[in-house]
């Protein structure tokens, strides 16, 4: 739609696809670990990572198992769009850094995990 809109106002547009957001065929290990309560934290960096995680969960018929395992898992995410995607699927967010930066997300999530383990 963007391309058509730009062309409609007289712009010459060259569209280049730099990447595709696809679910890897190996996706799912984290779903299994989370369902077993084996993950201390899960980090989501985009709405698409949330969607892929949920898709695998549904495909494996693991929603109830994941919900039980997630109670002990710290969920971290970057940015408002990712937060909205998580809430859409009923996944509570524990950590959201003040900047959209993966290193910062990892730091604050690890800090929260350590705090939870000391309690």
Protein backbone atom coordinates (compact mmCIF):
# COMPACT_ATOMS: atom_id res chain seq x y z
CA UNK A 1 0.00 0.00 0.00
CA UNK A 2 2.84 2.36 0.76
CA UNK A 3 4.35 1.88 -2.70
CA UNK A 4 1.02 2.53 -4.41
CA UNK A 5 0.43 5.62 -2.30
CA UNK A 6 3.84 7.04 -3.14
CA UNK A 7 3.38 6.32 -6.85
CA UNK A 8 -0.06 7.94 -6.77
CA UNK A 9 1.52 11.24 -5.74
CA UNK A 10 4.18 11.03 -8.46
CA UNK A 11 7.10 9.33 -6.70
CA UNK A 12 9.31 6.88 -8.56
CA UNK A 13 9.62 3.89 -6.23
CA UNK A 14 12.14 1.05 -6.32
CA UNK A 15 11.17 -1.63 -3.84
CA UNK A 16 13.95 -3.75 -2.36
CA UNK A 17 13.32 -6.63 0.03
CA UNK A 18 16.15 -6.69 2.56
CA UNK A 19 14.84 -9.46 4.80
CA UNK A 20 11.87 -11.68 5.53
CA UNK A 21 10.39 -12.46 8.89
CA UNK A 22 9.85 -16.20 8.83
CA UNK A 23 9.58 -18.74 11.58
CA UNK A 24 12.63 -21.00 11.55
CA UNK A 25 11.94 -24.68 10.99
CA UNK A 26 13.81 -25.37 14.24
CA UNK A 27 11.48 -23.15 16.27
CA UNK A 28 9.97 -24.70 19.32
CA UNK A 29 12.72 -25.66 21.72
CA UNK A 30 11.99 -22.62 23.88
CA UNK A 31 8.29 -23.55 23.97
CA UNK A 32 9.17 -27.01 25.28
CA UNK A 33 11.58 -25.63 27.88
CA UNK A 34 9.11 -22.96 29.00
CA UNK A 35 6.35 -25.53 29.34
CA UNK A 36 8.61 -27.65 31.52
CA UNK A 37 9.45 -24.63 33.69
CA UNK A 38 13.09 -24.85 32.58
CA UNK A 39 13.50 -21.25 31.39
CA UNK A 40 14.40 -18.46 33.75
CA UNK A 41 13.48 -15.86 31.15
CA UNK A 42 12.05 -15.37 27.69
CA UNK A 43 12.93 -12.29 25.64
CA UNK A 44 10.68 -11.06 22.86
CA UNK A 45 12.04 -8.48 20.44
CA UNK A 46 9.13 -8.01 18.03
CA UNK A 47 5.47 -8.84 17.58
CA UNK A 48 6.54 -11.49 15.07
CA UNK A 49 8.60 -13.36 17.67
CA UNK A 50 5.53 -13.38 19.91
CA UNK A 51 3.35 -14.72 17.08
CA UNK A 52 5.83 -17.47 16.24
CA UNK A 53 6.09 -18.49 19.89
CA UNK A 54 2.31 -18.66 20.22
CA UNK A 55 1.92 -20.53 16.91
CA UNK A 56 4.34 -23.24 18.03
CA UNK A 57 2.59 -23.45 21.39
CA UNK A 58 -0.78 -23.98 19.72
CA UNK A 59 0.61 -26.46 17.17
CA UNK A 60 2.06 -28.54 20.00
CA UNK A 61 -1.18 -28.30 21.98
CA UNK A 62 0.91 -26.92 24.83
CA UNK A 63 -1.03 -23.82 25.86
CA UNK A 64 -2.07 -25.09 29.31
CA UNK A 65 1.37 -26.57 29.95
CA UNK A 66 3.05 -23.33 28.93
CA UNK A 67 0.80 -21.27 31.17
CA UNK A 68 1.79 -23.38 34.18
CA UNK A 69 5.50 -23.27 33.30
CA UNK A 70 5.43 -19.54 32.62
CA UNK A 71 4.48 -18.68 36.19
CA UNK A 72 8.15 -18.92 37.19
CA UNK A 73 9.53 -17.42 33.96
CA UNK A 74 10.43 -13.74 33.61
CA UNK A 75 9.08 -12.34 30.33
CA UNK A 76 11.00 -9.43 28.86
CA UNK A 77 10.16 -7.44 25.76
CA UNK A 78 11.23 -4.46 23.69
CA UNK A 79 8.81 -1.73 22.68
CA UNK A 80 5.11 -1.02 22.74
CA UNK A 81 4.21 -3.10 19.64
CA UNK A 82 5.77 -6.19 21.21
CA UNK A 83 4.04 -5.46 24.50
CA UNK A 84 0.67 -5.21 22.72
CA UNK A 85 1.27 -8.54 20.97
CA UNK A 86 2.07 -10.24 24.27
CA UNK A 87 -1.04 -8.85 25.96
CA UNK A 88 -3.12 -9.90 22.95
CA UNK A 89 -2.14 -13.49 23.70
CA UNK A 90 -2.49 -13.14 27.46
CA UNK A 91 1.24 -13.26 28.20
CA UNK A 92 2.15 -11.01 31.12
CA UNK A 93 5.18 -8.76 30.72
CA UNK A 94 7.61 -8.61 33.62
CA UNK A 95 10.39 -6.50 32.10
CA UNK A 96 10.43 -3.71 29.53
CA UNK A 97 13.60 -1.61 29.37
CA UNK A 98 13.45 2.14 28.99
CA UNK A 99 15.09 1.91 25.55
CA UNK A 100 14.57 -0.28 22.50
CA UNK A 101 17.90 -2.04 22.82
CA UNK A 102 18.50 -5.79 23.08
CA UNK A 103 21.52 -5.45 25.35
CA UNK A 104 19.49 -3.35 27.77
CA UNK A 105 16.62 -5.86 27.59
CA UNK A 106 19.00 -8.70 28.45
CA UNK A 107 20.54 -6.74 31.34
CA UNK A 108 17.26 -5.82 33.00
CA UNK A 109 15.83 -9.30 32.50
CA UNK A 110 18.86 -10.99 34.04
CA UNK A 111 18.70 -8.55 36.96
CA UNK A 112 15.01 -9.42 37.51
CA UNK A 113 15.76 -13.15 37.30
CA UNK A 114 18.50 -12.81 39.92
CA UNK A 115 16.17 -10.83 42.19
CA UNK A 116 13.49 -13.51 41.87
CA UNK A 117 15.97 -16.27 42.63
CA UNK A 118 17.08 -14.52 45.84
CA UNK A 119 13.54 -14.41 47.22
